[in-house]
Amino acid sequence: MGHPKGMIARAGLLALLIGAVACATPVWVGKLRRALREPGQELVDLPAKVERQYDCEEKKLPFFRLEKNELNPSLVRPGKELNHRIVYAMCPTKPTEVVKGALVTRIRFKGEPIASETLDPFEIKPGRWIVDAFITLPESAEEGVYALELRFTSGTSEIEIDECLTFGVDAG
């Protein structure tokens, strides 16, 4: 059996390590999450699963749900990269139908647009999809609060996205 003082010291060290890991976990989880993501689109659930989940037979079609809209990290340094991820689900009117429209991503600082990208046409596809994009901030980005606006419009469908997320730039 070990010496009581040694056991107490090891228990204290273990508690300190557990505390340090617990405090660092959100940062490391975010970094790991970004490292595992690649830009582009990925089908994660076929339309039949989405139809069952949302009971699409009872809905007006096409049915659309933006399930997730996130930025990672929410605080970034100038010159660094952030990940914008959306997850959506769509039940089409016809089995393989897509909804075409314009997807506009705009970044604002102090209320003014400083960057914008338009994908036209952009297709919203049946099933559940993950869409990842990566944005690198310029080295000259000023410290402060920024907004990322996401807007999808289609002239042929009622499907629409109009979302806004904020993130911070910390020069420190």
Protein backbone atom coordinates (compact mmCIF):
# COMPACT_ATOMS: atom_id res chain seq x y z
CA MET A 1 0.00 0.00 0.00
CA GLY A 2 1.30 3.49 -0.89
CA HIS A 3 2.20 6.26 1.49
CA PRO A 4 -0.84 8.44 2.46
CA LYS A 5 0.92 11.71 1.53
CA GLY A 6 1.83 10.30 -1.89
CA MET A 7 -1.75 9.15 -2.49
CA ILE A 8 -3.07 12.60 -1.53
CA ALA A 9 -0.56 14.27 -3.88
CA ARG A 10 -1.54 11.94 -6.76
CA ALA A 11 -5.25 12.54 -6.08
CA GLY A 12 -4.64 16.30 -6.08
CA LEU A 13 -2.69 16.09 -9.35
CA LEU A 14 -5.43 13.98 -10.91
CA ALA A 15 -8.09 16.52 -9.84
CA LEU A 16 -5.99 19.35 -11.28
CA LEU A 17 -5.57 17.52 -14.61
CA ILE A 18 -9.30 16.73 -14.81
CA GLY A 19 -10.08 20.40 -14.13
CA ALA A 20 -7.64 21.59 -16.79
CA VAL A 21 -9.05 19.20 -19.39
CA ALA A 22 -12.62 20.22 -18.53
CA CYS A 23 -11.76 23.90 -18.97
CA ALA A 24 -9.93 23.36 -22.27
CA THR A 25 -12.46 20.94 -23.76
CA PRO A 26 -14.71 23.48 -25.58
CA VAL A 27 -11.70 25.05 -27.34
CA TRP A 28 -10.20 21.71 -28.32
CA VAL A 29 -13.57 20.26 -29.32
CA GLY A 30 -14.12 23.24 -31.62
CA LYS A 31 -10.66 22.88 -33.18
CA LEU A 32 -11.14 19.14 -33.66
CA ARG A 33 -14.61 19.68 -35.13
CA ARG A 34 -13.23 22.20 -37.69
CA ALA A 35 -10.28 19.95 -38.53
CA LEU A 36 -12.61 17.06 -39.41
CA ARG A 37 -14.79 19.16 -41.74
CA GLU A 38 -14.22 19.80 -45.42
CA PRO A 39 -15.87 22.39 -47.63
CA GLY A 40 -18.81 21.18 -49.68
CA GLN A 41 -22.08 19.31 -49.33
CA GLU A 42 -22.78 15.89 -47.87
CA LEU A 43 -25.99 13.85 -47.95
CA VAL A 44 -26.55 12.45 -44.45
CA ASP A 45 -30.15 11.12 -44.64
CA LEU A 46 -32.18 9.96 -47.62
CA PRO A 47 -35.56 11.60 -48.30
CA ALA A 48 -37.55 8.65 -46.88
CA LYS A 49 -36.06 9.17 -43.40
CA VAL A 50 -36.72 12.93 -43.52
CA GLU A 51 -40.30 12.27 -44.73
CA ARG A 52 -40.94 9.96 -41.76
CA GLN A 53 -39.32 12.32 -39.26
CA TYR A 54 -41.30 15.38 -40.37
CA ASP A 55 -44.48 13.55 -41.44
CA CYS A 56 -44.18 15.17 -44.85
CA GLU A 57 -47.27 13.40 -46.22
CA GLU A 58 -49.27 15.82 -44.03
CA LYS A 59 -47.29 18.95 -45.01
CA LYS A 60 -47.49 21.41 -47.88
CA LEU A 61 -44.67 20.47 -50.25
CA PRO A 62 -41.93 21.23 -50.79
CA PHE A 63 -41.28 21.20 -47.04
CA PHE A 64 -38.02 22.76 -45.85
CA ARG A 65 -36.38 23.02 -42.43
CA LEU A 66 -33.08 24.72 -41.64
CA GLU A 67 -31.96 22.50 -38.76
CA LYS A 68 -28.63 24.09 -37.95
CA ASN A 69 -26.83 27.32 -38.78
CA GLU A 70 -23.54 27.72 -36.92
CA LEU A 71 -20.15 29.39 -36.94
CA ASN A 72 -17.11 27.77 -35.40
CA PRO A 73 -15.35 29.42 -33.63
CA SER A 74 -17.48 32.33 -32.51
CA LEU A 75 -14.36 34.35 -31.64
CA VAL A 76 -11.54 34.43 -34.20
CA ARG A 77 -8.27 36.29 -34.74
CA PRO A 78 -7.49 38.30 -37.89
CA GLY A 79 -6.05 36.09 -40.64
CA LYS A 80 -7.62 32.96 -39.18
CA GLU A 81 -10.38 30.74 -40.53
CA LEU A 82 -13.91 30.10 -39.38
CA ASN A 83 -16.31 27.37 -40.44
CA HIS A 84 -19.89 28.14 -41.43
CA ARG A 85 -22.12 25.05 -41.34
CA ILE A 86 -25.75 24.65 -42.22
CA VAL A 87 -27.79 21.48 -41.97
CA TYR A 88 -31.11 21.36 -43.75
CA ALA A 89 -33.86 18.86 -44.50
CA MET A 90 -36.19 19.01 -47.48
CA CYS A 91 -39.16 16.94 -48.60
CA PRO A 92 -39.73 17.62 -52.31
CA THR A 93 -42.99 17.75 -54.24
CA LYS A 94 -41.65 15.03 -56.58
CA PRO A 95 -39.17 12.34 -55.43
CA THR A 96 -35.95 13.78 -56.92
CA GLU A 97 -36.96 17.42 -57.26
CA VAL A 98 -34.50 20.16 -56.29
CA VAL A 99 -35.28 23.80 -55.56
CA LYS A 100 -32.97 26.20 -57.38
CA GLY A 101 -32.30 29.69 -56.20
CA ALA A 102 -29.63 32.17 -55.13
CA LEU A 103 -27.70 31.64 -51.90
CA VAL A 104 -26.08 34.85 -50.68
CA THR A 105 -23.60 34.97 -47.81
CA ARG A 106 -22.68 38.45 -46.62
CA ILE A 107 -20.41 39.63 -43.81
CA ARG A 108 -21.10 42.98 -42.15
CA PHE A 109 -18.97 45.06 -39.82
CA LYS A 110 -20.28 48.21 -38.16
CA GLY A 111 -23.46 47.73 -40.19
CA GLU A 112 -21.70 47.87 -43.55
CA PRO A 113 -21.21 44.92 -45.93
CA ILE A 114 -17.49 44.08 -46.22
CA ALA A 115 -17.68 40.78 -48.14
CA SER A 116 -20.32 38.91 -50.09
CA GLU A 117 -20.57 35.68 -52.07
CA THR A 118 -23.48 34.57 -54.24
CA LEU A 119 -24.01 31.01 -55.44
CA ASP A 120 -26.56 31.12 -58.25
CA PRO A 121 -27.87 28.64 -58.93
CA PHE A 122 -27.74 26.88 -55.58
CA GLU A 123 -29.81 23.70 -55.25
CA ILE A 124 -31.69 22.66 -52.15
CA LYS A 125 -31.87 18.89 -52.51
CA PRO A 126 -34.22 16.27 -51.07
CA GLY A 127 -33.16 14.57 -47.85
CA ARG A 128 -30.87 15.94 -45.12
CA TRP A 129 -27.71 17.73 -46.19
CA ILE A 130 -24.73 19.26 -44.42
CA VAL A 131 -23.12 22.23 -46.18
CA ASP A 132 -19.74 23.46 -44.92
CA ALA A 133 -17.93 26.60 -46.01
CA PHE A 134 -14.68 28.06 -44.68
CA ILE A 135 -14.02 31.79 -44.46
CA THR A 136 -10.54 33.21 -43.91
CA LEU A 137 -10.53 36.65 -42.37
CA PRO A 138 -8.01 39.15 -43.71
CA GLU A 139 -5.00 39.97 -41.53
CA SER A 140 -6.31 43.54 -41.50
CA ALA A 141 -9.69 42.61 -39.96
CA GLU A 142 -10.54 45.07 -37.19
CA GLU A 143 -11.40 43.95 -33.70
CA GLY A 144 -15.14 43.93 -32.99
CA VAL A 145 -18.46 42.22 -33.63
CA TYR A 146 -19.30 41.00 -37.14
CA ALA A 147 -22.46 39.53 -38.64
CA LEU A 148 -22.74 36.72 -41.16
CA GLU A 149 -26.01 36.93 -43.09
CA LEU A 150 -27.35 33.96 -45.04
CA ARG A 151 -30.18 34.39 -47.54
CA PHE A 152 -31.72 31.94 -50.01
CA THR A 153 -34.43 32.99 -52.43
CA SER A 154 -36.08 31.13 -55.26
CA GLY A 155 -38.45 32.56 -57.82
CA THR A 156 -40.22 29.20 -58.18
CA SER A 157 -40.69 28.09 -54.57
CA GLU A 158 -41.75 29.37 -51.17
CA ILE A 159 -38.54 27.97 -49.65
CA GLU A 160 -36.59 30.85 -48.15
CA ILE A 161 -33.69 31.33 -45.74
CA ASP A 162 -33.02 34.64 -44.00
CA GLU A 163 -30.65 34.09 -41.07
CA CYS A 164 -27.99 36.10 -39.26
CA LEU A 165 -25.20 34.97 -36.91
CA THR A 166 -22.69 37.12 -35.08
CA PHE A 167 -19.04 36.43 -34.34
CA GLY A 168 -16.20 38.35 -32.79
CA VAL A 169 -12.76 39.28 -34.04
CA ASP A 170 -10.15 39.58 -31.30
CA ALA A 171 -6.81 41.07 -32.30
CA GLY A 172 -5.31 40.18 -28.89
